[in-house]
Amino acid sequence: KPPGYVLHVASAQIDVFAFQRFGQQ
């Protein structure tokens, strides 16, 4: 997808975003 590439996965599948959600909570 110009100008690059997109990986269609949900942020919920990636531990970094869970870490950040718990931190904000």
mmCIF file of all heavy atoms, coordinates in Angstrom:
data_MODEL
# 
_entry.id   MODEL 
# 
loop_
_atom_site.group_PDB 
_atom_site.id 
_atom_site.type_symbol 
_atom_site.label_atom_id 
_atom_site.label_alt_id 
_atom_site.label_comp_id 
_atom_site.label_asym_id 
_atom_site.label_entity_id 
_atom_site.label_seq_id 
_atom_site.pdbx_PDB_ins_code 
_atom_site.Cartn_x 
_atom_site.Cartn_y 
_atom_site.Cartn_z 
_atom_site.occupancy 
_atom_site.B_iso_or_equiv 
_atom_site.pdbx_formal_charge 
_atom_site.auth_seq_id 
_atom_site.auth_comp_id 
_atom_site.auth_asym_id 
_atom_site.auth_atom_id 
_atom_site.pdbx_PDB_model_num 
ATOM 1   N N   . LYS A 1 1  ? 0.856  -1.180  0.000  1.00 0.00 ? 1  LYS A N   1 
ATOM 2   C CA  . LYS A 1 1  ? 0.000  0.000   0.000  1.00 0.00 ? 1  LYS A CA  1 
ATOM 3   C C   . LYS A 1 1  ? 0.890  1.226   0.000  1.00 0.00 ? 1  LYS A C   1 
ATOM 4   O O   . LYS A 1 1  ? 1.506  1.551   1.020  1.00 0.00 ? 1  LYS A O   1 
ATOM 5   C CB  . LYS A 1 1  ? -0.929 0.003   1.212  1.00 0.00 ? 1  LYS A CB  1 
ATOM 6   C CG  . LYS A 1 1  ? -1.973 1.120   1.174  1.00 0.00 ? 1  LYS A CG  1 
ATOM 7   C CD  . LYS A 1 1  ? -2.975 0.958   2.301  1.00 0.00 ? 1  LYS A CD  1 
ATOM 8   C CE  . LYS A 1 1  ? -4.048 2.037   2.229  1.00 0.00 ? 1  LYS A CE  1 
ATOM 9   N NZ  . LYS A 1 1  ? -5.029 1.913   3.332  1.00 0.00 ? 1  LYS A NZ  1 
ATOM 10  N N   . PRO A 1 2  ? 1.012  1.891   -1.142 1.00 0.00 ? 2  PRO A N   1 
ATOM 11  C CA  . PRO A 1 2  ? 1.907  3.054   -1.233 1.00 0.00 ? 2  PRO A CA  1 
ATOM 12  C C   . PRO A 1 2  ? 1.643  4.040   -0.097 1.00 0.00 ? 2  PRO A C   1 
ATOM 13  O O   . PRO A 1 2  ? 0.481  4.245   0.277  1.00 0.00 ? 2  PRO A O   1 
ATOM 14  C CB  . PRO A 1 2  ? 1.552  3.659   -2.595 1.00 0.00 ? 2  PRO A CB  1 
ATOM 15  C CG  . PRO A 1 2  ? 1.041  2.478   -3.384 1.00 0.00 ? 2  PRO A CG  1 
ATOM 16  C CD  . PRO A 1 2  ? 0.302  1.631   -2.385 1.00 0.00 ? 2  PRO A CD  1 
ATOM 17  N N   . PRO A 1 3  ? 2.715  4.576   0.494  1.00 0.00 ? 3  PRO A N   1 
ATOM 18  C CA  . PRO A 1 3  ? 4.128  4.481   0.071  1.00 0.00 ? 3  PRO A CA  1 
ATOM 19  C C   . PRO A 1 3  ? 4.912  3.324   0.691  1.00 0.00 ? 3  PRO A C   1 
ATOM 20  O O   . PRO A 1 3  ? 6.128  3.407   0.793  1.00 0.00 ? 3  PRO A O   1 
ATOM 21  C CB  . PRO A 1 3  ? 4.695  5.811   0.555  1.00 0.00 ? 3  PRO A CB  1 
ATOM 22  C CG  . PRO A 1 3  ? 3.944  6.068   1.837  1.00 0.00 ? 3  PRO A CG  1 
ATOM 23  C CD  . PRO A 1 3  ? 2.559  5.544   1.616  1.00 0.00 ? 3  PRO A CD  1 
ATOM 24  N N   . GLY A 1 4  ? 4.217  2.252   1.121  1.00 0.00 ? 4  GLY A N   1 
ATOM 25  C CA  . GLY A 1 4  ? 4.956  1.171   1.759  1.00 0.00 ? 4  GLY A CA  1 
ATOM 26  C C   . GLY A 1 4  ? 4.150  -0.099  1.861  1.00 0.00 ? 4  GLY A C   1 
ATOM 27  O O   . GLY A 1 4  ? 3.509  -0.529  0.896  1.00 0.00 ? 4  GLY A O   1 
ATOM 28  N N   . TYR A 1 5  ? 4.129  -0.667  3.065  1.00 0.00 ? 5  TYR A N   1 
ATOM 29  C CA  . TYR A 1 5  ? 3.472  -1.951  3.294  1.00 0.00 ? 5  TYR A CA  1 
ATOM 30  C C   . TYR A 1 5  ? 2.724  -1.896  4.614  1.00 0.00 ? 5  TYR A C   1 
ATOM 31  O O   . TYR A 1 5  ? 3.086  -1.156  5.531  1.00 0.00 ? 5  TYR A O   1 
ATOM 32  C CB  . TYR A 1 5  ? 4.507  -3.082  3.344  1.00 0.00 ? 5  TYR A CB  1 
ATOM 33  C CG  . TYR A 1 5  ? 5.347  -3.165  2.089  1.00 0.00 ? 5  TYR A CG  1 
ATOM 34  C CD1 . TYR A 1 5  ? 6.563  -2.474  1.998  1.00 0.00 ? 5  TYR A CD1 1 
ATOM 35  C CD2 . TYR A 1 5  ? 4.937  -3.910  0.986  1.00 0.00 ? 5  TYR A CD2 1 
ATOM 36  C CE1 . TYR A 1 5  ? 7.331  -2.523  0.845  1.00 0.00 ? 5  TYR A CE1 1 
ATOM 37  C CE2 . TYR A 1 5  ? 5.704  -3.969  -0.174 1.00 0.00 ? 5  TYR A CE2 1 
ATOM 38  C CZ  . TYR A 1 5  ? 6.896  -3.272  -0.234 1.00 0.00 ? 5  TYR A CZ  1 
ATOM 39  O OH  . TYR A 1 5  ? 7.651  -3.323  -1.389 1.00 0.00 ? 5  TYR A OH  1 
ATOM 40  N N   . VAL A 1 6  ? 1.665  -2.721  4.715  1.00 0.00 ? 6  VAL A N   1 
ATOM 41  C CA  . VAL A 1 6  ? 0.872  -2.769  5.937  1.00 0.00 ? 6  VAL A CA  1 
ATOM 42  C C   . VAL A 1 6  ? 0.646  -4.218  6.334  1.00 0.00 ? 6  VAL A C   1 
ATOM 43  O O   . VAL A 1 6  ? 0.311  -5.057  5.506  1.00 0.00 ? 6  VAL A O   1 
ATOM 44  C CB  . VAL A 1 6  ? -0.474 -2.022  5.764  1.00 0.00 ? 6  VAL A CB  1 
ATOM 45  C CG1 . VAL A 1 6  ? -1.261 -2.554  4.582  1.00 0.00 ? 6  VAL A CG1 1 
ATOM 46  C CG2 . VAL A 1 6  ? -1.291 -2.091  7.046  1.00 0.00 ? 6  VAL A CG2 1 
ATOM 47  N N   . LEU A 1 7  ? 0.885  -4.510  7.608  1.00 0.00 ? 7  LEU A N   1 
ATOM 48  C CA  . LEU A 1 7  ? 0.651  -5.845  8.149  1.00 0.00 ? 7  LEU A CA  1 
ATOM 49  C C   . LEU A 1 7  ? -0.686 -5.814  8.880  1.00 0.00 ? 7  LEU A C   1 
ATOM 50  O O   . LEU A 1 7  ? -0.847 -5.125  9.882  1.00 0.00 ? 7  LEU A O   1 
ATOM 51  C CB  . LEU A 1 7  ? 1.775  -6.229  9.118  1.00 0.00 ? 7  LEU A CB  1 
ATOM 52  C CG  . LEU A 1 7  ? 1.740  -7.654  9.673  1.00 0.00 ? 7  LEU A CG  1 
ATOM 53  C CD1 . LEU A 1 7  ? 1.952  -8.672  8.547  1.00 0.00 ? 7  LEU A CD1 1 
ATOM 54  C CD2 . LEU A 1 7  ? 2.802  -7.841  10.751 1.00 0.00 ? 7  LEU A CD2 1 
ATOM 55  N N   . HIS A 1 8  ? -1.650 -6.555  8.362  1.00 0.00 ? 8  HIS A N   1 
ATOM 56  C CA  . HIS A 1 8  ? -3.009 -6.516  8.898  1.00 0.00 ? 8  HIS A CA  1 
ATOM 57  C C   . HIS A 1 8  ? -3.147 -7.454  10.090 1.00 0.00 ? 8  HIS A C   1 
ATOM 58  O O   . HIS A 1 8  ? -3.666 -8.565  9.985  1.00 0.00 ? 8  HIS A O   1 
ATOM 59  C CB  . HIS A 1 8  ? -4.020 -6.870  7.803  1.00 0.00 ? 8  HIS A CB  1 
ATOM 60  C CG  . HIS A 1 8  ? -4.164 -5.810  6.759  1.00 0.00 ? 8  HIS A CG  1 
ATOM 61  N ND1 . HIS A 1 8  ? -4.702 -4.570  7.032  1.00 0.00 ? 8  HIS A ND1 1 
ATOM 62  C CD2 . HIS A 1 8  ? -3.815 -5.792  5.446  1.00 0.00 ? 8  HIS A CD2 1 
ATOM 63  C CE1 . HIS A 1 8  ? -4.698 -3.833  5.936  1.00 0.00 ? 8  HIS A CE1 1 
ATOM 64  N NE2 . HIS A 1 8  ? -4.163 -4.549  4.961  1.00 0.00 ? 8  HIS A NE2 1 
ATOM 65  N N   . VAL A 1 9  ? -2.660 -7.003  11.220 1.00 0.00 ? 9  VAL A N   1 
ATOM 66  C CA  . VAL A 1 9  ? -2.871 -7.694  12.489 1.00 0.00 ? 9  VAL A CA  1 
ATOM 67  C C   . VAL A 1 9  ? -3.396 -6.662  13.480 1.00 0.00 ? 9  VAL A C   1 
ATOM 68  O O   . VAL A 1 9  ? -3.192 -5.458  13.312 1.00 0.00 ? 9  VAL A O   1 
ATOM 69  C CB  . VAL A 1 9  ? -1.585 -8.355  13.020 1.00 0.00 ? 9  VAL A CB  1 
ATOM 70  C CG1 . VAL A 1 9  ? -1.061 -9.395  12.041 1.00 0.00 ? 9  VAL A CG1 1 
ATOM 71  C CG2 . VAL A 1 9  ? -0.515 -7.320  13.334 1.00 0.00 ? 9  VAL A CG2 1 
ATOM 72  N N   . ALA A 1 10 ? -4.067 -7.143  14.509 1.00 0.00 ? 10 ALA A N   1 
ATOM 73  C CA  . ALA A 1 10 ? -4.618 -6.250  15.529 1.00 0.00 ? 10 ALA A CA  1 
ATOM 74  C C   . ALA A 1 10 ? -3.580 -5.961  16.598 1.00 0.00 ? 10 ALA A C   1 
ATOM 75  O O   . ALA A 1 10 ? -2.754 -6.819  16.934 1.00 0.00 ? 10 ALA A O   1 
ATOM 76  C CB  . ALA A 1 10 ? -5.857 -6.878  16.153 1.00 0.00 ? 10 ALA A CB  1 
ATOM 77  N N   . SER A 1 11 ? -3.628 -4.754  17.157 1.00 0.00 ? 11 SER A N   1 
ATOM 78  C CA  . SER A 1 11 ? -2.681 -4.408  18.210 1.00 0.00 ? 11 SER A CA  1 
ATOM 79  C C   . SER A 1 11 ? -2.831 -5.338  19.417 1.00 0.00 ? 11 SER A C   1 
ATOM 80  O O   . SER A 1 11 ? -1.867 -5.573  20.154 1.00 0.00 ? 11 SER A O   1 
ATOM 81  C CB  . SER A 1 11 ? -2.870 -2.947  18.635 1.00 0.00 ? 11 SER A CB  1 
ATOM 82  O OG  . SER A 1 11 ? -4.167 -2.733  19.165 1.00 0.00 ? 11 SER A OG  1 
ATOM 83  N N   . ALA A 1 12 ? -4.034 -5.899  19.615 1.00 0.00 ? 12 ALA A N   1 
ATOM 84  C CA  . ALA A 1 12 ? -4.262 -6.805  20.737 1.00 0.00 ? 12 ALA A CA  1 
ATOM 85  C C   . ALA A 1 12 ? -3.441 -8.087  20.630 1.00 0.00 ? 12 ALA A C   1 
ATOM 86  O O   . ALA A 1 12 ? -3.273 -8.810  21.616 1.00 0.00 ? 12 ALA A O   1 
ATOM 87  C CB  . ALA A 1 12 ? -5.744 -7.164  20.828 1.00 0.00 ? 12 ALA A CB  1 
ATOM 88  N N   . GLN A 1 13 ? -2.926 -8.380  19.443 1.00 0.00 ? 13 GLN A N   1 
ATOM 89  C CA  . GLN A 1 13 ? -2.117 -9.582  19.245 1.00 0.00 ? 13 GLN A CA  1 
ATOM 90  C C   . GLN A 1 13 ? -0.649 -9.365  19.611 1.00 0.00 ? 13 GLN A C   1 
ATOM 91  O O   . GLN A 1 13 ? 0.133  -10.318 19.590 1.00 0.00 ? 13 GLN A O   1 
ATOM 92  C CB  . GLN A 1 13 ? -2.199 -10.029 17.783 1.00 0.00 ? 13 GLN A CB  1 
ATOM 93  C CG  . GLN A 1 13 ? -3.580 -10.475 17.335 1.00 0.00 ? 13 GLN A CG  1 
ATOM 94  C CD  . GLN A 1 13 ? -3.630 -10.709 15.826 1.00 0.00 ? 13 GLN A CD  1 
ATOM 95  O OE1 . GLN A 1 13 ? -4.121 -9.888  15.073 1.00 0.00 ? 13 GLN A OE1 1 
ATOM 96  N NE2 . GLN A 1 13 ? -3.102 -11.826 15.396 1.00 0.00 ? 13 GLN A NE2 1 
ATOM 97  N N   . ILE A 1 14 ? -0.266 -8.133  19.935 1.00 0.00 ? 14 ILE A N   1 
ATOM 98  C CA  . ILE A 1 14 ? 1.142  -7.785  20.142 1.00 0.00 ? 14 ILE A CA  1 
ATOM 99  C C   . ILE A 1 14 ? 1.350  -7.377  21.595 1.00 0.00 ? 14 ILE A C   1 
ATOM 100 O O   . ILE A 1 14 ? 0.644  -6.506  22.125 1.00 0.00 ? 14 ILE A O   1 
ATOM 101 C CB  . ILE A 1 14 ? 1.553  -6.643  19.194 1.00 0.00 ? 14 ILE A CB  1 
ATOM 102 C CG1 . ILE A 1 14 ? 1.249  -7.031  17.738 1.00 0.00 ? 14 ILE A CG1 1 
ATOM 103 C CG2 . ILE A 1 14 ? 3.033  -6.322  19.349 1.00 0.00 ? 14 ILE A CG2 1 
ATOM 104 C CD1 . ILE A 1 14 ? 1.395  -5.890  16.756 1.00 0.00 ? 14 ILE A CD1 1 
ATOM 105 N N   . ASP A 1 15 ? 2.322  -7.975  22.256 1.00 0.00 ? 15 ASP A N   1 
ATOM 106 C CA  . ASP A 1 15 ? 2.495  -7.762  23.692 1.00 0.00 ? 15 ASP A CA  1 
ATOM 107 C C   . ASP A 1 15 ? 2.803  -6.317  24.065 1.00 0.00 ? 15 ASP A C   1 
ATOM 108 O O   . ASP A 1 15 ? 2.428  -5.856  25.145 1.00 0.00 ? 15 ASP A O   1 
ATOM 109 C CB  . ASP A 1 15 ? 3.556  -8.717  24.263 1.00 0.00 ? 15 ASP A CB  1 
ATOM 110 C CG  . ASP A 1 15 ? 4.941  -8.543  23.645 1.00 0.00 ? 15 ASP A CG  1 
ATOM 111 O OD1 . ASP A 1 15 ? 5.105  -7.763  22.688 1.00 0.00 ? 15 ASP A OD1 1 
ATOM 112 O OD2 . ASP A 1 15 ? 5.874  -9.250  24.109 1.00 0.00 ? 15 ASP A OD2 1 
ATOM 113 N N   . VAL A 1 16 ? 3.472  -5.581  23.196 1.00 0.00 ? 16 VAL A N   1 
ATOM 114 C CA  . VAL A 1 16 ? 3.806  -4.184  23.507 1.00 0.00 ? 16 VAL A CA  1 
ATOM 115 C C   . VAL A 1 16 ? 2.551  -3.371  23.807 1.00 0.00 ? 16 VAL A C   1 
ATOM 116 O O   . VAL A 1 16 ? 2.519  -2.576  24.757 1.00 0.00 ? 16 VAL A O   1 
ATOM 117 C CB  . VAL A 1 16 ? 4.579  -3.537  22.341 1.00 0.00 ? 16 VAL A CB  1 
ATOM 118 C CG1 . VAL A 1 16 ? 4.631  -2.024  22.498 1.00 0.00 ? 16 VAL A CG1 1 
ATOM 119 C CG2 . VAL A 1 16 ? 5.987  -4.082  22.269 1.00 0.00 ? 16 VAL A CG2 1 
ATOM 120 N N   . PHE A 1 17 ? 1.514  -3.592  23.020 1.00 0.00 ? 17 PHE A N   1 
ATOM 121 C CA  . PHE A 1 17 ? 0.303  -2.788  23.186 1.00 0.00 ? 17 PHE A CA  1 
ATOM 122 C C   . PHE A 1 17 ? -0.470 -3.210  24.432 1.00 0.00 ? 17 PHE A C   1 
ATOM 123 O O   . PHE A 1 17 ? -1.105 -2.370  25.088 1.00 0.00 ? 17 PHE A O   1 
ATOM 124 C CB  . PHE A 1 17 ? -0.537 -2.869  21.913 1.00 0.00 ? 17 PHE A CB  1 
ATOM 125 C CG  . PHE A 1 17 ? 0.167  -2.295  20.723 1.00 0.00 ? 17 PHE A CG  1 
ATOM 126 C CD1 . PHE A 1 17 ? 0.907  -3.100  19.864 1.00 0.00 ? 17 PHE A CD1 1 
ATOM 127 C CD2 . PHE A 1 17 ? 0.139  -0.930  20.484 1.00 0.00 ? 17 PHE A CD2 1 
ATOM 128 C CE1 . PHE A 1 17 ? 1.590  -2.562  18.786 1.00 0.00 ? 17 PHE A CE1 1 
ATOM 129 C CE2 . PHE A 1 17 ? 0.823  -0.374  19.402 1.00 0.00 ? 17 PHE A CE2 1 
ATOM 130 C CZ  . PHE A 1 17 ? 1.554  -1.195  18.554 1.00 0.00 ? 17 PHE A CZ  1 
ATOM 131 N N   . ALA A 1 18 ? -0.387 -4.492  24.796 1.00 0.00 ? 18 ALA A N   1 
ATOM 132 C CA  . ALA A 1 18 ? -0.975 -4.927  26.070 1.00 0.00 ? 18 ALA A CA  1 
ATOM 133 C C   . ALA A 1 18 ? -0.223 -4.292  27.233 1.00 0.00 ? 18 ALA A C   1 
ATOM 134 O O   . ALA A 1 18 ? -0.829 -3.845  28.218 1.00 0.00 ? 18 ALA A O   1 
ATOM 135 C CB  . ALA A 1 18 ? -0.942 -6.447  26.168 1.00 0.00 ? 18 ALA A CB  1 
ATOM 136 N N   . PHE A 1 19 ? 1.106  -4.254  27.140 1.00 0.00 ? 19 PHE A N   1 
ATOM 137 C CA  . PHE A 1 19 ? 1.927  -3.602  28.162 1.00 0.00 ? 19 PHE A CA  1 
ATOM 138 C C   . PHE A 1 19 ? 1.506  -2.147  28.337 1.00 0.00 ? 19 PHE A C   1 
ATOM 139 O O   . PHE A 1 19 ? 1.336  -1.656  29.470 1.00 0.00 ? 19 PHE A O   1 
ATOM 140 C CB  . PHE A 1 19 ? 3.396  -3.695  27.758 1.00 0.00 ? 19 PHE A CB  1 
ATOM 141 C CG  . PHE A 1 19 ? 4.319  -2.760  28.489 1.00 0.00 ? 19 PHE A CG  1 
ATOM 142 C CD1 . PHE A 1 19 ? 4.656  -2.992  29.815 1.00 0.00 ? 19 PHE A CD1 1 
ATOM 143 C CD2 . PHE A 1 19 ? 4.856  -1.650  27.851 1.00 0.00 ? 19 PHE A CD2 1 
ATOM 144 C CE1 . PHE A 1 19 ? 5.499  -2.131  30.497 1.00 0.00 ? 19 PHE A CE1 1 
ATOM 145 C CE2 . PHE A 1 19 ? 5.710  -0.780  28.516 1.00 0.00 ? 19 PHE A CE2 1 
ATOM 146 C CZ  . PHE A 1 19 ? 6.027  -1.025  29.843 1.00 0.00 ? 19 PHE A CZ  1 
ATOM 147 N N   . GLN A 1 20 ? 1.321  -1.443  27.246 1.00 0.00 ? 20 GLN A N   1 
ATOM 148 C CA  . GLN A 1 20 ? 0.954  -0.031  27.315 1.00 0.00 ? 20 GLN A CA  1 
ATOM 149 C C   . GLN A 1 20 ? -0.462 0.169   27.851 1.00 0.00 ? 20 GLN A C   1 
ATOM 150 O O   . GLN A 1 20 ? -0.718 1.115   28.592 1.00 0.00 ? 20 GLN A O   1 
ATOM 151 C CB  . GLN A 1 20 ? 1.135  0.615   25.943 1.00 0.00 ? 20 GLN A CB  1 
ATOM 152 C CG  . GLN A 1 20 ? 2.598  0.690   25.520 1.00 0.00 ? 20 GLN A CG  1 
ATOM 153 C CD  . GLN A 1 20 ? 2.797  1.106   24.080 1.00 0.00 ? 20 GLN A CD  1 
ATOM 154 O OE1 . GLN A 1 20 ? 1.869  1.034   23.253 1.00 0.00 ? 20 GLN A OE1 1 
ATOM 155 N NE2 . GLN A 1 20 ? 4.005  1.541   23.749 1.00 0.00 ? 20 GLN A NE2 1 
ATOM 156 N N   . ARG A 1 21 ? -1.369 -0.748  27.509 1.00 0.00 ? 21 ARG A N   1 
ATOM 157 C CA  . ARG A 1 21 ? -2.742 -0.648  28.032 1.00 0.00 ? 21 ARG A CA  1 
ATOM 158 C C   . ARG A 1 21 ? -2.765 -0.857  29.547 1.00 0.00 ? 21 ARG A C   1 
ATOM 159 O O   . ARG A 1 21 ? -3.420 -0.114  30.280 1.00 0.00 ? 21 ARG A O   1 
ATOM 160 C CB  . ARG A 1 21 ? -3.649 -1.667  27.345 1.00 0.00 ? 21 ARG A CB  1 
ATOM 161 C CG  . ARG A 1 21 ? -4.075 -1.272  25.929 1.00 0.00 ? 21 ARG A CG  1 
ATOM 162 C CD  . ARG A 1 21 ? -5.216 -2.151  25.440 1.00 0.00 ? 21 ARG A CD  1 
ATOM 163 N NE  . ARG A 1 21 ? -4.849 -3.566  25.388 1.00 0.00 ? 21 ARG A NE  1 
ATOM 164 C CZ  . ARG A 1 21 ? -4.251 -4.151  24.356 1.00 0.00 ? 21 ARG A CZ  1 
ATOM 165 N NH1 . ARG A 1 21 ? -3.928 -3.438  23.285 1.00 0.00 ? 21 ARG A NH1 1 
ATOM 166 N NH2 . ARG A 1 21 ? -3.970 -5.436  24.372 1.00 0.00 ? 21 ARG A NH2 1 
ATOM 167 N N   . PHE A 1 22 ? -2.051 -1.871  30.019 1.00 0.00 ? 22 PHE A N   1 
ATOM 168 C CA  . PHE A 1 22 ? -1.977 -2.098  31.465 1.00 0.00 ? 22 PHE A CA  1 
ATOM 169 C C   . PHE A 1 22 ? -1.340 -0.895  32.158 1.00 0.00 ? 22 PHE A C   1 
ATOM 170 O O   . PHE A 1 22 ? -1.761 -0.497  33.254 1.00 0.00 ? 22 PHE A O   1 
ATOM 171 C CB  . PHE A 1 22 ? -1.173 -3.354  31.776 1.00 0.00 ? 22 PHE A CB  1 
ATOM 172 C CG  . PHE A 1 22 ? -1.937 -4.641  31.633 1.00 0.00 ? 22 PHE A CG  1 
ATOM 173 C CD1 . PHE A 1 22 ? -1.463 -5.658  30.824 1.00 0.00 ? 22 PHE A CD1 1 
ATOM 174 C CD2 . PHE A 1 22 ? -3.122 -4.847  32.332 1.00 0.00 ? 22 PHE A CD2 1 
ATOM 175 C CE1 . PHE A 1 22 ? -2.148 -6.858  30.701 1.00 0.00 ? 22 PHE A CE1 1 
ATOM 176 C CE2 . PHE A 1 22 ? -3.822 -6.034  32.212 1.00 0.00 ? 22 PHE A CE2 1 
ATOM 177 C CZ  . PHE A 1 22 ? -3.337 -7.045  31.396 1.00 0.00 ? 22 PHE A CZ  1 
ATOM 178 N N   . GLY A 1 23 ? -0.297 -0.333  31.538 1.00 0.00 ? 23 GLY A N   1 
ATOM 179 C CA  . GLY A 1 23 ? 0.370  0.821   32.126 1.00 0.00 ? 23 GLY A CA  1 
ATOM 180 C C   . GLY A 1 23 ? -0.570 2.014   32.246 1.00 0.00 ? 23 GLY A C   1 
ATOM 181 O O   . GLY A 1 23 ? -0.594 2.691   33.288 1.00 0.00 ? 23 GLY A O   1 
ATOM 182 N N   . GLN A 1 24 ? -1.370 2.265   31.221 1.00 0.00 ? 24 GLN A N   1 
ATOM 183 C CA  . GLN A 1 24 ? -2.312 3.378   31.260 1.00 0.00 ? 24 GLN A CA  1 
ATOM 184 C C   . GLN A 1 24 ? -3.411 3.115   32.289 1.00 0.00 ? 24 GLN A C   1 
ATOM 185 O O   . GLN A 1 24 ? -3.830 4.025   33.019 1.00 0.00 ? 24 GLN A O   1 
ATOM 186 C CB  . GLN A 1 24 ? -2.937 3.604   29.881 1.00 0.00 ? 24 GLN A CB  1 
ATOM 187 C CG  . GLN A 1 24 ? -3.854 4.814   29.811 1.00 0.00 ? 24 GLN A CG  1 
ATOM 188 C CD  . GLN A 1 24 ? -3.167 6.084   30.293 1.00 0.00 ? 24 GLN A CD  1 
ATOM 189 O OE1 . GLN A 1 24 ? -2.116 6.468   29.798 1.00 0.00 ? 24 GLN A OE1 1 
ATOM 190 N NE2 . GLN A 1 24 ? -3.757 6.743   31.296 1.00 0.00 ? 24 GLN A NE2 1 
ATOM 191 N N   . GLN A 1 25 ? -3.847 1.868   32.363 1.00 0.00 ? 25 GLN A N   1 
ATOM 192 C CA  . GLN A 1 25 ? -4.840 1.510   33.370 1.00 0.00 ? 25 GLN A CA  1 
ATOM 193 C C   . GLN A 1 25 ? -4.289 1.770   34.777 1.00 0.00 ? 25 GLN A C   1 
ATOM 194 O O   . GLN A 1 25 ? -4.993 2.314   35.639 1.00 0.00 ? 25 GLN A O   1 
ATOM 195 C CB  . GLN A 1 25 ? -5.215 0.038   33.222 1.00 0.00 ? 25 GLN A CB  1 
ATOM 196 C CG  . GLN A 1 25 ? -6.242 -0.453  34.236 1.00 0.00 ? 25 GLN A CG  1 
ATOM 197 C CD  . GLN A 1 25 ? -6.496 -1.954  34.123 1.00 0.00 ? 25 GLN A CD  1 
ATOM 198 O OE1 . GLN A 1 25 ? -5.950 -2.634  33.259 1.00 0.00 ? 25 GLN A OE1 1 
ATOM 199 N NE2 . GLN A 1 25 ? -7.326 -2.481  35.000 1.00 0.00 ? 25 GLN A NE2 1 
# 
